[in-house]
C-alpha cells in the first residue's frame, strides 16, 4: 500500500523563497489580506518579477495548498512505529497539531478547489488527488474499511475547524479529540487483530478519484451496530484513497 510522495514540478530557489514568504504572510495577514504587491515587497522584488514564478494569486494558492498537504503528510508518515504500523491517536493528534499551528493555512487547504480555480482542472487537479491519496496512506493502512476512515476524517475536520475558529478552547478541544479517539480505537484494534490473524488478507477496495466533488448516493442498507470484537465486520482492507478535501 506504500505510495511515493508526488513529484512536484521543478522550482527555482527564488520560487521556493516566494512560497516560504507567502506561507508566513498567509499566517500573519490571512489569505484574503495578502496581495501580490505585499508578497513582492516582502520577498524584495518588484511585483512584475513575481509573475515569472507564479501566474497569479490563484496559482499561488494552489502551490500553498499542495505544499501544506505535503507537510502534513510527511508529519503523519513520520509517526510510523518500529513494527511498521501506525496508531490512530498519533495520526489524529498530528493532524490536529498541523491545524492549530497553522490555522490560516488549514483554512486555505480545507476550502480546496471550491475557492481555487487552478485546483479544479488539469495537472493541478491531478497533483492534488495524488497528494491527498498519499497523505491518507497511514490511516488507510490501519482503518477497518473505507467508510470508517471517512467517518474519522469527517470528525477530525469538524473538530479541527471548531478549534481553529476559536469555538473550542485548548483543554476542551483535547477532551473532544480524546472522545473521538476512544470511540474509534476499538474498531481499529479489531482491524489490527484481523490482519494479524490473516496476514494475507487484502479484500477489495475502491479508490476515490475526485475527493473534492460531492456525489449523492442512495442509502441501500441501513447501518448495523459495530461490535469491536466481531472480526467479521472487517469486510474490506482500506486502500490509499484520496483524502476528501472540501
Protein backbone atom coordinates (compact mmCIF):
# COMPACT_ATOMS: atom_id res chain seq x y z
CA UNK A 1 0.00 0.00 0.00
CA UNK A 2 3.02 2.29 0.19
CA UNK A 3 2.93 5.18 -2.25
CA UNK A 4 5.79 7.52 -3.00
CA UNK A 5 5.07 11.22 -2.36
CA UNK A 6 4.05 13.08 -5.51
CA UNK A 7 6.79 14.65 -7.59
CA UNK A 8 6.41 18.40 -7.67
CA UNK A 9 7.28 20.50 -10.71
CA UNK A 10 10.87 21.76 -10.55
CA UNK A 11 11.19 25.09 -8.77
CA UNK A 12 13.90 27.72 -8.74
CA UNK A 13 15.41 28.92 -5.49
CA UNK A 14 13.53 32.18 -5.94
CA UNK A 15 10.25 30.28 -6.31
CA UNK A 16 10.96 28.37 -3.09
CA UNK A 17 11.61 31.70 -1.37
CA UNK A 18 8.36 33.15 -2.66
CA UNK A 19 6.36 30.18 -1.41
CA UNK A 20 8.04 30.30 2.01
CA UNK A 21 7.33 34.01 2.41
CA UNK A 22 3.75 33.56 1.16
CA UNK A 23 3.24 30.87 3.78
CA UNK A 24 4.41 33.19 6.56
CA UNK A 25 2.34 36.12 5.30
CA UNK A 26 -0.77 33.96 5.00
CA UNK A 27 -0.49 33.08 8.68
CA UNK A 28 0.25 36.68 9.63
CA UNK A 29 -2.28 38.55 7.50
CA UNK A 30 -4.80 35.96 6.34
CA UNK A 31 -5.14 34.86 2.74
CA UNK A 32 -7.71 37.47 1.78
CA UNK A 33 -5.49 40.29 3.02
CA UNK A 34 -2.38 39.06 1.24
CA UNK A 35 -1.77 40.85 -2.06
CA UNK A 36 0.81 40.09 -4.68
CA UNK A 37 2.34 43.53 -4.10
CA UNK A 38 2.75 42.84 -0.38
CA UNK A 39 4.31 39.50 -1.24
CA UNK A 40 6.71 41.02 -3.76
CA UNK A 41 7.78 43.72 -1.30
CA UNK A 42 8.39 41.11 1.40
CA UNK A 43 10.48 38.99 -0.95
CA UNK A 44 12.40 42.06 -2.05
CA UNK A 45 11.47 42.08 -5.72
CA UNK A 46 9.18 44.13 -7.93
CA UNK A 47 5.66 42.86 -8.49
CA UNK A 48 6.16 42.12 -12.23
CA UNK A 49 9.09 39.84 -11.35
CA UNK A 50 6.78 37.82 -9.10
CA UNK A 51 4.76 36.69 -12.09
CA UNK A 52 7.78 34.96 -13.57
CA UNK A 53 7.36 32.34 -10.84
CA UNK A 54 3.60 32.17 -10.32
CA UNK A 55 0.99 33.16 -12.88
CA UNK A 56 -1.37 34.82 -10.38
CA UNK A 57 -2.64 34.64 -6.82
CA UNK A 58 -4.88 31.68 -7.64
CA UNK A 59 -1.89 29.62 -8.75
CA UNK A 60 -0.03 30.73 -5.63
CA UNK A 61 -2.93 29.36 -3.61
CA UNK A 62 -2.59 26.05 -5.44
CA UNK A 63 1.12 25.97 -4.58
CA UNK A 64 0.45 26.67 -0.90
CA UNK A 65 -2.30 24.06 -0.77
CA UNK A 66 -0.13 21.30 -2.20
CA UNK A 67 2.83 22.26 -0.02
CA UNK A 68 0.68 22.32 3.11
CA UNK A 69 -0.76 18.89 2.36
CA UNK A 70 2.73 17.52 1.78
CA UNK A 71 3.93 18.93 5.11
CA UNK A 72 1.02 17.31 6.96
CA UNK A 73 1.60 14.08 5.06
CA UNK A 74 5.28 13.88 5.95
CA UNK A 75 4.42 14.50 9.61
CA UNK A 76 1.80 11.73 9.58
CA UNK A 77 4.09 9.26 7.81
CA UNK A 78 6.77 10.07 10.41
CA UNK A 79 4.58 8.62 13.19
CA UNK A 80 5.26 5.09 11.93
CA UNK A 81 6.27 2.69 14.72
CA UNK A 82 9.20 0.28 14.59
CA UNK A 83 6.88 -2.56 13.64
CA UNK A 84 5.77 -0.62 10.56
CA UNK A 85 2.32 0.21 11.89
CA UNK A 86 0.54 3.42 12.74
CA UNK A 87 -1.68 4.41 15.66
CA UNK A 88 -4.95 6.27 15.32
CA UNK A 89 -4.07 8.61 18.21
CA UNK A 90 -0.71 9.54 16.66
CA UNK A 91 -2.26 10.33 13.28
CA UNK A 92 -5.16 12.39 14.60
CA UNK A 93 -3.07 14.41 17.03
CA UNK A 94 -0.50 15.07 14.30
CA UNK A 95 -3.30 16.35 12.09
CA UNK A 96 -4.60 18.47 14.97
CA UNK A 97 -1.17 19.94 15.63
CA UNK A 98 -0.78 20.94 11.99
CA UNK A 99 -4.18 22.66 12.05
CA UNK A 100 -3.76 24.65 15.26
CA UNK A 101 -0.15 25.58 14.48
CA UNK A 102 -1.06 26.96 11.05
CA UNK A 103 -4.77 27.86 11.27
CA UNK A 104 -4.80 30.17 8.25
CA UNK A 105 -3.14 27.58 6.04
CA UNK A 106 -5.52 24.95 7.42
CA UNK A 107 -8.49 27.07 6.38
CA UNK A 108 -6.89 27.71 3.00
CA UNK A 109 -6.40 24.00 2.35
CA UNK A 110 -9.80 22.91 3.63
CA UNK A 111 -11.65 25.11 1.16
CA UNK A 112 -9.92 23.18 -1.60
CA UNK A 113 -10.81 23.63 -5.23
CA UNK A 114 -14.08 25.39 -4.48
CA UNK A 115 -12.07 28.57 -3.95
CA UNK A 116 -9.07 27.80 -6.15
CA UNK A 117 -9.76 27.55 -9.86
CA UNK A 118 -6.32 26.13 -10.64
CA UNK A 119 -7.04 23.07 -8.49
CA UNK A 120 -10.19 22.23 -10.40
CA UNK A 121 -8.57 21.12 -13.65
CA UNK A 122 -5.64 19.52 -15.37
CA UNK A 123 -2.25 18.92 -13.83
CA UNK A 124 -3.01 20.82 -10.63
CA UNK A 125 -6.10 18.72 -10.05
CA UNK A 126 -4.15 15.51 -10.62
CA UNK A 127 -1.41 16.69 -8.28
CA UNK A 128 -4.00 17.46 -5.60
CA UNK A 129 -5.52 13.99 -5.97
CA UNK A 130 -2.13 12.28 -5.85
CA UNK A 131 -1.04 14.29 -2.82
CA UNK A 132 -4.21 13.70 -0.83
CA UNK A 133 -4.14 9.98 -1.67
CA UNK A 134 -0.52 9.72 -0.49
CA UNK A 135 -1.27 11.67 2.69
CA UNK A 136 -4.06 9.26 3.56
CA UNK A 137 -1.99 6.06 3.29
CA UNK A 138 -1.12 5.78 7.02
CA UNK A 139 -4.77 5.92 8.08
CA UNK A 140 -5.81 3.66 5.21
CA UNK A 141 -3.33 1.02 6.38
CA UNK A 142 -4.96 0.69 9.80
CA UNK A 143 -8.62 1.52 9.19
CA UNK A 144 -11.17 -1.33 9.28
CA UNK A 145 -12.62 -0.15 5.98
CA UNK A 146 -13.05 2.88 3.76
CA UNK A 147 -16.28 4.02 5.39
CA UNK A 148 -14.72 4.09 8.84
CA UNK A 149 -11.76 6.07 7.54
CA UNK A 150 -14.15 8.60 6.03
CA UNK A 151 -16.03 8.85 9.33
CA UNK A 152 -12.81 9.52 11.21
CA UNK A 153 -11.71 12.20 8.75
CA UNK A 154 -15.11 13.87 8.82
CA UNK A 155 -14.99 14.12 12.60
CA UNK A 156 -11.35 15.27 12.59
CA UNK A 157 -12.13 18.03 10.07
CA UNK A 158 -15.03 19.20 12.19
CA UNK A 159 -13.10 19.31 15.46
CA UNK A 160 -10.07 20.98 13.88
CA UNK A 161 -12.31 23.59 12.27
CA UNK A 162 -14.04 24.37 15.57
CA UNK A 163 -10.68 24.64 17.28
CA UNK A 164 -9.01 26.86 14.67
CA UNK A 165 -12.08 29.10 14.60
CA UNK A 166 -11.90 29.55 18.36
CA UNK A 167 -15.13 27.72 19.11
CA UNK A 168 -13.26 25.21 21.27
CA UNK A 169 -10.60 26.07 23.82
CA UNK A 170 -7.40 24.03 24.08
CA UNK A 171 -8.34 21.85 27.10
CA UNK A 172 -11.93 21.42 25.95
CA UNK A 173 -10.80 20.62 22.42
CA UNK A 174 -8.39 17.99 23.73
CA UNK A 175 -11.25 16.28 25.54
CA UNK A 176 -13.21 16.20 22.29
CA UNK A 177 -10.23 14.69 20.45
CA UNK A 178 -9.87 12.11 23.23
CA UNK A 179 -13.56 11.21 22.87
CA UNK A 180 -13.19 10.77 19.12
CA UNK A 181 -10.17 8.50 19.57
CA UNK A 182 -11.90 6.49 22.30
CA UNK A 183 -14.90 5.89 20.04
CA UNK A 184 -12.92 4.59 17.08
CA UNK A 185 -9.87 2.93 18.64
CA UNK A 186 -11.72 -0.33 19.44
CA UNK A 187 -12.66 -0.71 15.78
CA UNK A 188 -9.11 -0.03 14.63
CA UNK A 189 -7.87 -2.55 17.21
CA UNK A 190 -10.28 -5.13 15.83
CA UNK A 191 -8.94 -4.48 12.34
CA UNK A 192 -5.38 -4.92 13.60
CA UNK A 193 -6.28 -8.29 15.16
CA UNK A 194 -7.92 -9.40 11.94
CA UNK A 195 -4.81 -8.57 9.94
CA UNK A 196 -2.57 -10.41 12.40
CA UNK A 197 -4.75 -13.50 12.18
CA UNK A 198 -4.78 -13.34 8.41
CA UNK A 199 -1.62 -11.57 7.10
CA UNK A 200 -2.64 -12.32 3.51
CA UNK A 201 -5.94 -10.54 3.89
CA UNK A 202 -6.28 -7.96 1.13
CA UNK A 203 -10.00 -7.68 0.49
CA UNK A 204 -11.44 -5.46 -2.17
CA UNK A 205 -11.29 -1.70 -2.29
CA UNK A 206 -12.37 1.35 -4.15
CA UNK A 207 -10.40 4.49 -4.91
CA UNK A 208 -11.88 7.95 -4.66
CA UNK A 209 -10.94 9.71 -7.88
CA UNK A 210 -12.27 13.21 -7.23
CA UNK A 211 -12.11 13.91 -3.48
CA UNK A 212 -13.42 17.44 -3.85
CA UNK A 213 -16.64 16.51 -5.57
CA UNK A 214 -19.81 15.70 -3.65
CA UNK A 215 -21.90 12.91 -5.13
CA UNK A 216 -25.24 11.93 -3.65
CA UNK A 217 -25.83 8.19 -3.47
CA UNK A 218 -28.95 6.48 -2.12
CA UNK A 219 -28.67 4.57 1.13
CA UNK A 220 -29.19 0.95 0.13
CA UNK A 221 -28.75 -0.67 3.52
CA UNK A 222 -29.24 0.70 6.99
CA UNK A 223 -26.01 0.53 9.00
CA UNK A 224 -25.87 -2.02 11.79
CA UNK A 225 -24.05 -1.57 15.10
CA UNK A 226 -20.37 -2.46 15.09
CA UNK A 227 -19.10 -4.92 17.65
CA UNK A 228 -15.36 -4.25 18.13
CA UNK A 229 -14.78 -7.94 18.92
CA UNK A 230 -16.57 -9.13 15.80
CA UNK A 231 -13.87 -9.55 13.16
CA UNK A 232 -16.48 -10.42 10.58
CA UNK A 233 -17.14 -6.70 10.42
CA UNK A 234 -13.72 -6.20 8.83
CA UNK A 235 -15.06 -6.59 5.34
CA UNK A 236 -12.56 -4.60 3.30
CA UNK A 237 -8.95 -3.64 3.62
CA UNK A 238 -8.73 0.12 3.17
CA UNK A 239 -6.85 1.40 0.16
CA UNK A 240 -4.95 4.68 -0.21
CA UNK A 241 -7.94 6.63 -1.43
CA UNK A 242 -7.67 10.37 -1.83
CA UNK A 243 -8.17 12.44 1.29
CA UNK A 244 -11.56 14.18 0.96
CA UNK A 245 -10.90 17.92 0.98
CA UNK A 246 -13.74 20.42 0.73
